[in-house]
Amino acid sequence: MNIYLIRHGEAEPPSETKPHEQRALTKEGVEAVKASAEYWKKFTQSFDIILTSPLKRAAQTAKLIHEFLNVKQEVVEEISLLNGGLTEDLLSIAEALEINNIAMIGHQPDIGIHIASMTGSNNTNLRIPPAAIAKIHFKDKPRIGQGILEFLIPPINKKG
């Protein structure tokens, strides 16, 4: 089983006039997600399913990836991908799905925490930039500390 942990694209800065949940991707964030998803085709053809945090910026990221990688199944919102979600819950969901390639789109610092927990690097502080992807492979059932980090790809900048 492969779990692909993805941080949403660059989002609007926090604002007193817009609720945190409604912060959208910036124009640059949209372009970085599109360019990154196109580049990811070199490493994975598609995902069996995309799970996303319900926050707007993550859902927008999921929709773009869904389109670029031609994922057949619709995007599914998953509250365990909100900040504060437990890695154990994500692994339980992955195991219950019984499919091979699961993309999960969430937020920092949680994406970095999940990568560290899944690979047994709990003391590592991974700062994952917006629109980055990490592939974690599990030989057997997905368990804390049993994953192998196969790649961590930063966002692709179309400008060069």
Foldseek 3Di string as FASTA:
>chain_A
DKEKEAEFFAWDDDDPVDDPLAIAHDPQRLVLLLQLLLVCCVPPLAAQAEEEANRHRGVSSVVSSCVSSVHPDDHHYDNLQEPPRDLVVVLVVVQVVPDDGYYYYHHPPVSVCNVCQQQVNNVDRDDAHHGKMWMWDAPDRRDTNRTDTPDIGHTDRPVD
